[in-house]
Every structure is written in C-alpha cells, then in structure tokens.
Amino acid sequence: MFDTQRRRKEIGIRRVNVATIYEILLMFNKKFCLLVGICAAVAIPMALVALNKYVSGFVYYIPIHWYVIALCIIAALFITALTVTLASFRASTENPSNTLKTE
C-alpha cells in the first residue's frame, strides 16, 4: 500500500499515456510476487533446518511433507496478490487529473 501511495503520480502518468488498468496491476503484482518467491526460497531451507534440529530431541514427531510447504507458499502468494491488486486497483481507477494537479 505504501508503494502504491508513493507511486500515485507514476500511475496517473501511465493512465494518461493509455496504459490499461490490467497493465498497471500486472506491473505491481509481478514485483511483489517475485519478492515473495525470493523470500520463500531463502526462508524455507532455513526453517527446515531449524525445525529438524528442534524436533530431533523428541521421541515422536510428525514429518513435514512437501505439500504443506507448497500450500504455505501458495497462501502467501494469494494474500500478497490480493492486497497488492486491491491497493493498485484503487489507485489506477482514480482520475489521473486528481493525482497530477499538485505538480
């Protein structure tokens, strides 16, 4: 949401230059979904190592399956895409003359 507020003028200029709402939403979503992917690639191995080290002291434990991790990544991507889409949609449907007045 902060990034959308900060780039409101850019969105207004893109809208004046005939960019569609879909293109603007895709621009923002691509950036943030890539960020979530990079964070997941770094965090998952670290979490698995820490969790296996922690659980090794127990007699009984349930192993973590790959589909649980995949479900968590999908949930994080969905929440990120939904939040970014809603914030960007609000900014991109606003009248461009309102955002460009202060220049």
PDB file of N, CA and C in Angstrom:
ATOM      1  N   MET A   1       0.834  -1.185   0.000  1.00  0.00           N
ATOM      2  CA  MET A   1       0.000   0.000   0.000  1.00  0.00           C
ATOM      3  C   MET A   1       0.880   1.250   0.000  1.00  0.00           C
ATOM      4  N   PHE A   2       1.984   1.180   0.731  1.00  0.00           N
ATOM      5  CA  PHE A   2       2.892   2.315   0.755  1.00  0.00           C
ATOM      6  C   PHE A   2       3.473   2.568  -0.631  1.00  0.00           C
ATOM      7  N   ASP A   3       3.841   1.500  -1.318  1.00  0.00           N
ATOM      8  CA  ASP A   3       4.413   1.641  -2.651  1.00  0.00           C
ATOM      9  C   ASP A   3       3.390   2.229  -3.621  1.00  0.00           C
ATOM     10  N   THR A   4       2.157   1.845  -3.497  1.00  0.00           N
ATOM     11  CA  THR A   4       1.106   2.387  -4.357  1.00  0.00           C
ATOM     12  C   THR A   4       0.898   3.874  -4.078  1.00  0.00           C
ATOM     13  N   GLN A   5       0.885   4.257  -2.813  1.00  0.00           N
ATOM     14  CA  GLN A   5       0.723   5.672  -2.469  1.00  0.00           C
ATOM     15  C   GLN A   5       1.900   6.498  -2.973  1.00  0.00           C
ATOM     16  N   ARG A   6       3.093   5.937  -2.864  1.00  0.00           N
ATOM     17  CA  ARG A   6       4.291   6.649  -3.280  1.00  0.00           C
ATOM     18  C   ARG A   6       4.344   6.819  -4.790  1.00  0.00           C
ATOM     19  N   ARG A   7       3.787   5.879  -5.532  1.00  0.00           N
ATOM     20  CA  ARG A   7       3.867   5.899  -6.992  1.00  0.00           C
ATOM     21  C   ARG A   7       2.569   6.347  -7.654  1.00  0.00           C
ATOM     22  N   ARG A   8       1.737   7.078  -6.936  1.00  0.00           N
ATOM     23  CA  ARG A   8       0.448   7.541  -7.464  1.00  0.00           C
ATOM     24  C   ARG A   8       0.608   8.419  -8.703  1.00  0.00           C
ATOM     25  N   LYS A   9       1.579   9.290  -8.690  1.00  0.00           N
ATOM     26  CA  LYS A   9       1.797  10.166  -9.841  1.00  0.00           C
ATOM     27  C   LYS A   9       2.239   9.355 -11.054  1.00  0.00           C
ATOM     28  N   GLU A  10       3.081   8.362 -10.827  1.00  0.00           N
ATOM     29  CA  GLU A  10       3.505   7.500 -11.932  1.00  0.00           C
ATOM     30  C   GLU A  10       2.310   6.763 -12.535  1.00  0.00           C
ATOM     31  N   ILE A  11       1.427   6.293 -11.675  1.00  0.00           N
ATOM     32  CA  ILE A  11       0.228   5.609 -12.158  1.00  0.00           C
ATOM     33  C   ILE A  11      -0.629   6.569 -12.971  1.00  0.00           C
ATOM     34  N   GLY A  12      -0.764   7.801 -12.485  1.00  0.00           N
ATOM     35  CA  GLY A  12      -1.533   8.803 -13.221  1.00  0.00           C
ATOM     36  C   GLY A  12      -0.929   9.090 -14.587  1.00  0.00           C
ATOM     37  N   ILE A  13       0.386   9.203 -14.664  1.00  0.00           N
ATOM     38  CA  ILE A  13       1.049   9.455 -15.950  1.00  0.00           C
ATOM     39  C   ILE A  13       0.874   8.262 -16.883  1.00  0.00           C
ATOM     40  N   ARG A  14       0.977   7.061 -16.345  1.00  0.00           N
ATOM     41  CA  ARG A  14       0.763   5.870 -17.169  1.00  0.00           C
ATOM     42  C   ARG A  14      -0.665   5.816 -17.700  1.00  0.00           C
ATOM     43  N   ARG A  15      -1.630   6.204 -16.860  1.00  0.00           N
ATOM     44  CA  ARG A  15      -3.033   6.206 -17.303  1.00  0.00           C
ATOM     45  C   ARG A  15      -3.256   7.242 -18.400  1.00  0.00           C
ATOM     46  N   VAL A  16      -2.613   8.411 -18.288  1.00  0.00           N
ATOM     47  CA  VAL A  16      -2.743   9.440 -19.321  1.00  0.00           C
ATOM     48  C   VAL A  16      -2.134   8.949 -20.629  1.00  0.00           C
ATOM     49  N   ASN A  17      -1.060   8.176 -20.530  1.00  0.00           N
ATOM     50  CA  ASN A  17      -0.398   7.630 -21.721  1.00  0.00           C
ATOM     51  C   ASN A  17      -1.011   6.304 -22.162  1.00  0.00           C
ATOM     52  N   VAL A  18      -2.256   6.087 -21.883  1.00  0.00           N
ATOM     53  CA  VAL A  18      -3.103   4.995 -22.359  1.00  0.00           C
ATOM     54  C   VAL A  18      -2.662   3.614 -21.851  1.00  0.00           C
ATOM     55  N   ALA A  19      -2.174   3.533 -20.638  1.00  0.00           N
ATOM     56  CA  ALA A  19      -1.912   2.226 -20.038  1.00  0.00           C
ATOM     57  C   ALA A  19      -3.221   1.693 -19.473  1.00  0.00           C
ATOM     58  N   THR A  20      -3.465   0.416 -19.650  1.00  0.00           N
ATOM     59  CA  THR A  20      -4.689  -0.164 -19.119  1.00  0.00           C
ATOM     60  C   THR A  20      -4.516  -0.471 -17.636  1.00  0.00           C
ATOM     61  N   ILE A  21      -5.631  -0.647 -16.973  1.00  0.00           N
ATOM     62  CA  ILE A  21      -5.606  -0.985 -15.552  1.00  0.00           C
ATOM     63  C   ILE A  21      -4.931  -2.342 -15.358  1.00  0.00           C
ATOM     64  N   TYR A  22      -5.184  -3.252 -16.285  1.00  0.00           N
ATOM     65  CA  TYR A  22      -4.565  -4.582 -16.217  1.00  0.00           C
ATOM     66  C   TYR A  22      -3.039  -4.483 -16.247  1.00  0.00           C
ATOM     67  N   GLU A  23      -2.492  -3.634 -17.103  1.00  0.00           N
ATOM     68  CA  GLU A  23      -1.036  -3.479 -17.191  1.00  0.00           C
ATOM     69  C   GLU A  23      -0.450  -2.927 -15.890  1.00  0.00           C
ATOM     70  N   ILE A  24      -1.151  -1.989 -15.289  1.00  0.00           N
ATOM     71  CA  ILE A  24      -0.673  -1.409 -14.034  1.00  0.00           C
ATOM     72  C   ILE A  24      -0.722  -2.448 -12.908  1.00  0.00           C
ATOM     73  N   LEU A  25      -1.818  -3.203 -12.845  1.00  0.00           N
ATOM     74  CA  LEU A  25      -1.931  -4.246 -11.828  1.00  0.00           C
ATOM     75  C   LEU A  25      -0.873  -5.319 -12.028  1.00  0.00           C
ATOM     76  N   LEU A  26      -0.607  -5.681 -13.269  1.00  0.00           N
ATOM     77  CA  LEU A  26       0.406  -6.685 -13.564  1.00  0.00           C
ATOM     78  C   LEU A  26       1.793  -6.203 -13.159  1.00  0.00           C
ATOM     79  N   MET A  27       2.066  -4.917 -13.382  1.00  0.00           N
ATOM     80  CA  MET A  27       3.362  -4.344 -13.022  1.00  0.00           C
ATOM     81  C   MET A  27       3.612  -4.470 -11.515  1.00  0.00           C
ATOM     82  N   PHE A  28       2.619  -4.110 -10.716  1.00  0.00           N
ATOM     83  CA  PHE A  28       2.777  -4.180  -9.265  1.00  0.00           C
ATOM     84  C   PHE A  28       2.809  -5.632  -8.774  1.00  0.00           C
ATOM     85  N   ASN A  29       1.913  -6.476  -9.284  1.00  0.00           N
ATOM     86  CA  ASN A  29       1.849  -7.862  -8.815  1.00  0.00           C
ATOM     87  C   ASN A  29       3.102  -8.645  -9.164  1.00  0.00           C
ATOM     88  N   LYS A  30       3.668  -8.391 -10.343  1.00  0.00           N
ATOM     89  CA  LYS A  30       4.878  -9.099 -10.740  1.00  0.00           C
ATOM     90  C   LYS A  30       6.010  -8.816  -9.755  1.00  0.00           C
ATOM     91  N   LYS A  31       6.130  -7.556  -9.384  1.00  0.00           N
ATOM     92  CA  LYS A  31       7.206  -7.149  -8.473  1.00  0.00           C
ATOM     93  C   LYS A  31       7.066  -7.833  -7.104  1.00  0.00           C
ATOM     94  N   PHE A  32       5.862  -7.806  -6.551  1.00  0.00           N
ATOM     95  CA  PHE A  32       5.675  -8.338  -5.208  1.00  0.00           C
ATOM     96  C   PHE A  32       5.647  -9.862  -5.172  1.00  0.00           C
ATOM     97  N   CYS A  33       5.140 -10.499  -6.220  1.00  0.00           N
ATOM     98  CA  CYS A  33       5.166 -11.960  -6.246  1.00  0.00           C
ATOM     99  C   CYS A  33       6.594 -12.474  -6.395  1.00  0.00           C
ATOM    100  N   LEU A  34       7.421 -11.760  -7.131  1.00  0.00           N
ATOM    101  CA  LEU A  34       8.839 -12.111  -7.221  1.00  0.00           C
ATOM    102  C   LEU A  34       9.507 -11.984  -5.851  1.00  0.00           C
ATOM    103  N   LEU A  35       9.147 -10.937  -5.127  1.00  0.00           N
ATOM    104  CA  LEU A  35       9.682 -10.743  -3.781  1.00  0.00           C
ATOM    105  C   LEU A  35       9.280 -11.879  -2.852  1.00  0.00           C
ATOM    106  N   VAL A  36       8.029 -12.313  -2.919  1.00  0.00           N
ATOM    107  CA  VAL A  36       7.559 -13.425  -2.086  1.00  0.00           C
ATOM    108  C   VAL A  36       8.299 -14.709  -2.457  1.00  0.00           C
ATOM    109  N   GLY A  37       8.529 -14.918  -3.745  1.00  0.00           N
ATOM    110  CA  GLY A  37       9.260 -16.104  -4.186  1.00  0.00           C
ATOM    111  C   GLY A  37      10.688 -16.131  -3.674  1.00  0.00           C
ATOM    112  N   ILE A  38      11.358 -14.991  -3.736  1.00  0.00           N
ATOM    113  CA  ILE A  38      12.731 -14.912  -3.238  1.00  0.00           C
ATOM    114  C   ILE A  38      12.766 -15.144  -1.731  1.00  0.00           C
ATOM    115  N   CYS A  39      11.840 -14.529  -1.020  1.00  0.00           N
ATOM    116  CA  CYS A  39      11.781 -14.716   0.440  1.00  0.00           C
ATOM    117  C   CYS A  39      11.507 -16.171   0.802  1.00  0.00           C
ATOM    118  N   ALA A  40      10.620 -16.823   0.048  1.00  0.00           N
ATOM    119  CA  ALA A  40      10.321 -18.230   0.313  1.00  0.00           C
ATOM    120  C   ALA A  40      11.532 -19.101   0.037  1.00  0.00           C
ATOM    121  N   ALA A  41      12.274 -18.792  -1.026  1.00  0.00           N
ATOM    122  CA  ALA A  41      13.456 -19.582  -1.366  1.00  0.00           C
ATOM    123  C   ALA A  41      14.536 -19.473  -0.288  1.00  0.00           C
ATOM    124  N   VAL A  42      14.587 -18.343   0.386  1.00  0.00           N
ATOM    125  CA  VAL A  42      15.573 -18.163   1.451  1.00  0.00           C
ATOM    126  C   VAL A  42      15.054 -18.732   2.778  1.00  0.00           C
ATOM    127  N   ALA A  43      13.787 -18.507   3.069  1.00  0.00           N
ATOM    128  CA  ALA A  43      13.249 -18.860   4.387  1.00  0.00           C
ATOM    129  C   ALA A  43      12.968 -20.349   4.556  1.00  0.00           C
ATOM    130  N   ILE A  44      12.552 -21.028   3.512  1.00  0.00           N
ATOM    131  CA  ILE A  44      12.163 -22.438   3.653  1.00  0.00           C
ATOM    132  C   ILE A  44      13.341 -23.321   4.068  1.00  0.00           C
ATOM    133  N   PRO A  45      14.489 -23.251   3.391  1.00  0.00           N
ATOM    134  CA  PRO A  45      15.597 -24.100   3.865  1.00  0.00           C
ATOM    135  C   PRO A  45      16.036 -23.773   5.291  1.00  0.00           C
ATOM    136  N   MET A  46      16.052 -22.493   5.633  1.00  0.00           N
ATOM    137  CA  MET A  46      16.436 -22.114   6.998  1.00  0.00           C
ATOM    138  C   MET A  46      15.445 -22.654   8.014  1.00  0.00           C
ATOM    139  N   ALA A  47      14.165 -22.561   7.710  1.00  0.00           N
ATOM    140  CA  ALA A  47      13.135 -23.054   8.629  1.00  0.00           C
ATOM    141  C   ALA A  47      13.189 -24.568   8.762  1.00  0.00           C
ATOM    142  N   LEU A  48      13.429 -25.270   7.660  1.00  0.00           N
ATOM    143  CA  LEU A  48      13.505 -26.730   7.724  1.00  0.00           C
ATOM    144  C   LEU A  48      14.688 -27.197   8.559  1.00  0.00           C
ATOM    145  N   VAL A  49      15.818 -26.541   8.398  1.00  0.00           N
ATOM    146  CA  VAL A  49      16.999 -26.910   9.188  1.00  0.00           C
ATOM    147  C   VAL A  49      16.736 -26.652  10.673  1.00  0.00           C
ATOM    148  N   ALA A  50      16.185 -25.483  10.989  1.00  0.00           N
ATOM    149  CA  ALA A  50      15.910 -25.149  12.386  1.00  0.00           C
ATOM    150  C   ALA A  50      14.862 -26.082  12.978  1.00  0.00           C
ATOM    151  N   LEU A  51      13.834 -26.400  12.209  1.00  0.00           N
ATOM    152  CA  LEU A  51      12.773 -27.276  12.703  1.00  0.00           C
ATOM    153  C   LEU A  51      13.273 -28.696  12.916  1.00  0.00           C
ATOM    154  N   ASN A  52      14.056 -29.203  11.980  1.00  0.00           N
ATOM    155  CA  ASN A  52      14.610 -30.563  12.152  1.00  0.00           C
ATOM    156  C   ASN A  52      15.540 -30.630  13.352  1.00  0.00           C
ATOM    157  N   LYS A  53      16.304 -29.588  13.598  1.00  0.00           N
ATOM    158  CA  LYS A  53      17.188 -29.558  14.756  1.00  0.00           C
ATOM    159  C   LYS A  53      16.380 -29.529  16.055  1.00  0.00           C
ATOM    160  N   TYR A  54      15.288 -28.773  16.053  1.00  0.00           N
ATOM    161  CA  TYR A  54      14.437 -28.667  17.236  1.00  0.00           C
ATOM    162  C   TYR A  54      13.705 -29.981  17.507  1.00  0.00           C
ATOM    163  N   VAL A  55      13.174 -30.587  16.464  1.00  0.00           N
ATOM    164  CA  VAL A  55      12.344 -31.784  16.615  1.00  0.00           C
ATOM    165  C   VAL A  55      13.187 -33.038  16.863  1.00  0.00           C
ATOM    166  N   SER A  56      14.458 -32.999  16.563  1.00  0.00           N
ATOM    167  CA  SER A  56      15.292 -34.193  16.729  1.00  0.00           C
ATOM    168  C   SER A  56      15.397 -34.657  18.182  1.00  0.00           C
ATOM    169  N   GLY A  57      15.115 -33.778  19.106  1.00  0.00           N
ATOM    170  CA  GLY A  57      15.166 -34.153  20.518  1.00  0.00           C
ATOM    171  C   GLY A  57      13.930 -34.882  21.001  1.00  0.00           C
ATOM    172  N   PHE A  58      12.865 -34.890  20.232  1.00  0.00           N
ATOM    173  CA  PHE A  58      11.628 -35.557  20.631  1.00  0.00           C
ATOM    174  C   PHE A  58      11.635 -37.011  20.182  1.00  0.00           C
ATOM    175  N   VAL A  59      10.918 -37.842  20.935  1.00  0.00           N
ATOM    176  CA  VAL A  59      10.813 -39.256  20.584  1.00  0.00           C
ATOM    177  C   VAL A  59       9.847 -39.420  19.414  1.00  0.00           C
ATOM    178  N   TYR A  60       8.710 -38.750  19.479  1.00  0.00           N
ATOM    179  CA  TYR A  60       7.702 -38.826  18.418  1.00  0.00           C
ATOM    180  C   TYR A  60       7.567 -37.462  17.759  1.00  0.00           C
ATOM    181  N   TYR A  61       7.522 -37.480  16.471  1.00  0.00           N
ATOM    182  CA  TYR A  61       7.251 -36.233  15.751  1.00  0.00           C
ATOM    183  C   TYR A  61       6.632 -36.556  14.402  1.00  0.00           C
ATOM    184  N   ILE A  62       5.925 -35.582  13.879  1.00  0.00           N
ATOM    185  CA  ILE A  62       5.272 -35.732  12.575  1.00  0.00           C
ATOM    186  C   ILE A  62       6.158 -35.053  11.532  1.00  0.00           C
ATOM    187  N   PRO A  63       6.525 -35.757  10.493  1.00  0.00           N
ATOM    188  CA  PRO A  63       7.370 -35.133   9.469  1.00  0.00           C
ATOM    189  C   PRO A  63       6.582 -34.080   8.679  1.00  0.00           C
ATOM    190  N   ILE A  64       7.286 -33.087   8.205  1.00  0.00           N
ATOM    191  CA  ILE A  64       6.655 -32.048   7.398  1.00  0.00           C
ATOM    192  C   ILE A  64       6.725 -32.487   5.945  1.00  0.00           C
ATOM    193  N   HIS A  65       5.580 -32.590   5.308  1.00  0.00           N
ATOM    194  CA  HIS A  65       5.511 -33.012   3.920  1.00  0.00           C
ATOM    195  C   HIS A  65       5.681 -31.814   2.991  1.00  0.00           C
ATOM    196  N   TRP A  66       6.055 -32.092   1.757  1.00  0.00           N
ATOM    197  CA  TRP A  66       6.312 -31.035   0.786  1.00  0.00           C
ATOM    198  C   TRP A  66       5.049 -30.245   0.464  1.00  0.00           C
ATOM    199  N   TYR A  67       3.877 -30.900   0.496  1.00  0.00           N
ATOM    200  CA  TYR A  67       2.650 -30.199   0.123  1.00  0.00           C
ATOM    201  C   TYR A  67       2.232 -29.166   1.172  1.00  0.00           C
ATOM    202  N   VAL A  68       2.654 -29.328   2.402  1.00  0.00           N
ATOM    203  CA  VAL A  68       2.374 -28.324   3.429  1.00  0.00           C
ATOM    204  C   VAL A  68       3.155 -27.048   3.132  1.00  0.00           C
ATOM    205  N   ILE A  69       4.399 -27.211   2.741  1.00  0.00           N
ATOM    206  CA  ILE A  69       5.230 -26.060   2.389  1.00  0.00           C
ATOM    207  C   ILE A  69       4.687 -25.384   1.134  1.00  0.00           C
ATOM    208  N   ALA A  70       4.297 -26.192   0.133  1.00  0.00           N
ATOM    209  CA  ALA A  70       3.741 -25.627  -1.099  1.00  0.00           C
ATOM    210  C   ALA A  70       2.441 -24.870  -0.816  1.00  0.00           C
ATOM    211  N   LEU A  71       1.621 -25.402   0.071  1.00  0.00           N
ATOM    212  CA  LEU A  71       0.371 -24.731   0.436  1.00  0.00           C
ATOM    213  C   LEU A  71       0.636 -23.398   1.128  1.00  0.00           C
ATOM    214  N   CYS A  72       1.651 -23.352   1.964  1.00  0.00           N
ATOM    215  CA  CYS A  72       2.015 -22.099   2.630  1.00  0.00           C
ATOM    216  C   CYS A  72       2.503 -21.056   1.631  1.00  0.00           C
ATOM    217  N   ILE A  73       3.287 -21.483   0.649  1.00  0.00           N
ATOM    218  CA  ILE A  73       3.766 -20.552  -0.371  1.00  0.00           C
ATOM    219  C   ILE A  73       2.595 -20.035  -1.209  1.00  0.00           C
ATOM    220  N   ILE A  74       1.697 -20.918  -1.580  1.00  0.00           N
ATOM    221  CA  ILE A  74       0.529 -20.516  -2.365  1.00  0.00           C
ATOM    222  C   ILE A  74      -0.337 -19.545  -1.568  1.00  0.00           C
ATOM    223  N   ALA A  75      -0.524 -19.804  -0.281  1.00  0.00           N
ATOM    224  CA  ALA A  75      -1.320 -18.901   0.557  1.00  0.00           C
ATOM    225  C   ALA A  75      -0.665 -17.528   0.662  1.00  0.00           C
ATOM    226  N   ALA A  76       0.653 -17.501   0.826  1.00  0.00           N
ATOM    227  CA  ALA A  76       1.370 -16.219   0.901  1.00  0.00           C
ATOM    228  C   ALA A  76       1.269 -15.460  -0.416  1.00  0.00           C
ATOM    229  N   LEU A  77       1.394 -16.167  -1.537  1.00  0.00           N
ATOM    230  CA  LEU A  77       1.254 -15.524  -2.845  1.00  0.00           C
ATOM    231  C   LEU A  77      -0.158 -14.991  -3.060  1.00  0.00           C
ATOM    232  N   PHE A  78      -1.159 -15.750  -2.638  1.00  0.00           N
ATOM    233  CA  PHE A  78      -2.547 -15.321  -2.802  1.00  0.00           C
ATOM    234  C   PHE A  78      -2.841 -14.067  -1.979  1.00  0.00           C
ATOM    235  N   ILE A  79      -2.415 -14.061  -0.729  1.00  0.00           N
ATOM    236  CA  ILE A  79      -2.653 -12.904   0.132  1.00  0.00           C
ATOM    237  C   ILE A  79      -1.915 -11.675  -0.394  1.00  0.00           C
ATOM    238  N   THR A  80      -0.680 -11.873  -0.854  1.00  0.00           N
ATOM    239  CA  THR A  80       0.090 -10.764  -1.415  1.00  0.00           C
ATOM    240  C   THR A  80      -0.570 -10.223  -2.671  1.00  0.00           C
ATOM    241  N   ALA A  81      -0.964 -11.117  -3.571  1.00  0.00           N
ATOM    242  CA  ALA A  81      -1.589 -10.683  -4.826  1.00  0.00           C
ATOM    243  C   ALA A  81      -2.908  -9.972  -4.558  1.00  0.00           C
ATOM    244  N   LEU A  82      -3.689 -10.463  -3.624  1.00  0.00           N
ATOM    245  CA  LEU A  82      -4.969  -9.834  -3.305  1.00  0.00           C
ATOM    246  C   LEU A  82      -4.777  -8.435  -2.728  1.00  0.00           C
ATOM    247  N   THR A  83      -3.855  -8.295  -1.802  1.00  0.00           N
ATOM    248  CA  THR A  83      -3.600  -6.995  -1.184  1.00  0.00           C
ATOM    249  C   THR A  83      -3.054  -5.998  -2.190  1.00  0.00           C
ATOM    250  N   VAL A  84      -2.082  -6.421  -2.983  1.00  0.00           N
ATOM    251  CA  VAL A  84      -1.481  -5.521  -3.971  1.00  0.00           C
ATOM    252  C   VAL A  84      -2.493  -5.151  -5.044  1.00  0.00           C
ATOM    253  N   THR A  85      -3.298  -6.107  -5.474  1.00  0.00           N
ATOM    254  CA  THR A  85      -4.297  -5.826  -6.506  1.00  0.00           C
ATOM    255  C   THR A  85      -5.323  -4.819  -6.020  1.00  0.00           C
ATOM    256  N   LEU A  86      -5.806  -4.976  -4.802  1.00  0.00           N
ATOM    257  CA  LEU A  86      -6.815  -4.045  -4.284  1.00  0.00           C
ATOM    258  C   LEU A  86      -6.248  -2.637  -4.136  1.00  0.00           C
ATOM    259  N   ALA A  87      -5.047  -2.515  -3.608  1.00  0.00           N
ATOM    260  CA  ALA A  87      -4.439  -1.196  -3.430  1.00  0.00           C
ATOM    261  C   ALA A  87      -4.127  -0.553  -4.779  1.00  0.00           C
ATOM    262  N   SER A  88      -3.610  -1.328  -5.713  1.00  0.00           N
ATOM    263  CA  SER A  88      -3.271  -0.793  -7.032  1.00  0.00           C
ATOM    264  C   SER A  88      -4.522  -0.468  -7.841  1.00  0.00           C
ATOM    265  N   PHE A  89      -5.555  -1.262  -7.682  1.00  0.00           N
ATOM    266  CA  PHE A  89      -6.798  -1.008  -8.409  1.00  0.00           C
ATOM    267  C   PHE A  89      -7.420   0.310  -7.973  1.00  0.00           C
ATOM    268  N   ARG A  90      -7.385   0.550  -6.666  1.00  0.00           N
ATOM    269  CA  ARG A  90      -7.909   1.824  -6.159  1.00  0.00           C
ATOM    270  C   ARG A  90      -7.148   3.004  -6.746  1.00  0.00           C
ATOM    271  N   ALA A  91      -5.831   2.887  -6.814  1.00  0.00           N
ATOM    272  CA  ALA A  91      -5.007   3.978  -7.328  1.00  0.00           C
ATOM    273  C   ALA A  91      -5.145   4.127  -8.840  1.00  0.00           C
ATOM    274  N   SER A  92      -5.302   3.017  -9.557  1.00  0.00           N
ATOM    275  CA  SER A  92      -5.352   3.102 -11.013  1.00  0.00           C
ATOM    276  C   SER A  92      -6.719   3.512 -11.545  1.00  0.00           C
ATOM    277  N   THR A  93      -7.776   3.336 -10.767  1.00  0.00           N
ATOM    278  CA  THR A  93      -9.095   3.770 -11.225  1.00  0.00           C
ATOM    279  C   THR A  93      -9.398   5.215 -10.849  1.00  0.00           C
ATOM    280  N   GLU A  94      -8.528   5.805 -10.047  1.00  0.00           N
ATOM    281  CA  GLU A  94      -8.700   7.212  -9.684  1.00  0.00           C
ATOM    282  C   GLU A  94      -8.446   8.083 -10.909  1.00  0.00           C
ATOM    283  N   ASN A  95      -9.116   9.216 -10.969  1.00  0.00           N
ATOM    284  CA  ASN A  95      -8.953  10.132 -12.081  1.00  0.00           C
ATOM    285  C   ASN A  95      -7.507  10.653 -12.110  1.00  0.00           C
ATOM    286  N   PRO A  96      -6.788  10.500 -13.227  1.00  0.00           N
ATOM    287  CA  PRO A  96      -5.387  10.926 -13.276  1.00  0.00           C
ATOM    288  C   PRO A  96      -5.197  12.426 -13.049  1.00  0.00           C
ATOM    289  N   SER A  97      -6.193  13.220 -13.395  1.00  0.00           N
ATOM    290  CA  SER A  97      -6.039  14.669 -13.196  1.00  0.00           C
ATOM    291  C   SER A  97      -5.993  15.031 -11.715  1.00  0.00           C
ATOM    292  N   ASN A  98      -6.614  14.233 -10.864  1.00  0.00           N
ATOM    293  CA  ASN A  98      -6.568  14.498  -9.425  1.00  0.00           C
ATOM    294  C   ASN A  98      -5.173  14.277  -8.851  1.00  0.00           C
ATOM    295  N   THR A  99      -4.487  13.262  -9.342  1.00  0.00           N
ATOM    296  CA  THR A  99      -3.149  12.970  -8.800  1.00  0.00           C
ATOM    297  C   THR A  99      -2.079  13.884  -9.406  1.00  0.00           C
ATOM    298  N   LEU A 100      -2.323  14.374 -10.610  1.00  0.00           N
ATOM    299  CA  LEU A 100      -1.318  15.195 -11.273  1.00  0.00           C
ATOM    300  C   LEU A 100      -1.509  16.697 -11.041  1.00  0.00           C
ATOM    301  N   LYS A 101      -2.524  17.098 -10.299  1.00  0.00           N
ATOM    302  CA  LYS A 101      -2.793  18.511 -10.042  1.00  0.00           C
ATOM    303  C   LYS A 101      -1.673  19.211  -9.283  1.00  0.00           C
ATOM    304  N   THR A 102      -1.067  18.481  -8.365  1.00  0.00           N
ATOM    305  CA  THR A 102      -0.100  19.120  -7.461  1.00  0.00           C
ATOM    306  C   THR A 102       1.250  19.379  -8.116  1.00  0.00           C
ATOM    307  N   GLU A 103       1.475  18.915  -9.315  1.00  0.00           N
ATOM    308  CA  GLU A 103       2.766  19.152  -9.996  1.00  0.00           C
ATOM    309  C   GLU A 103       2.884  20.581 -10.461  1.00  0.00           C
TER     310      GLU A 103
END
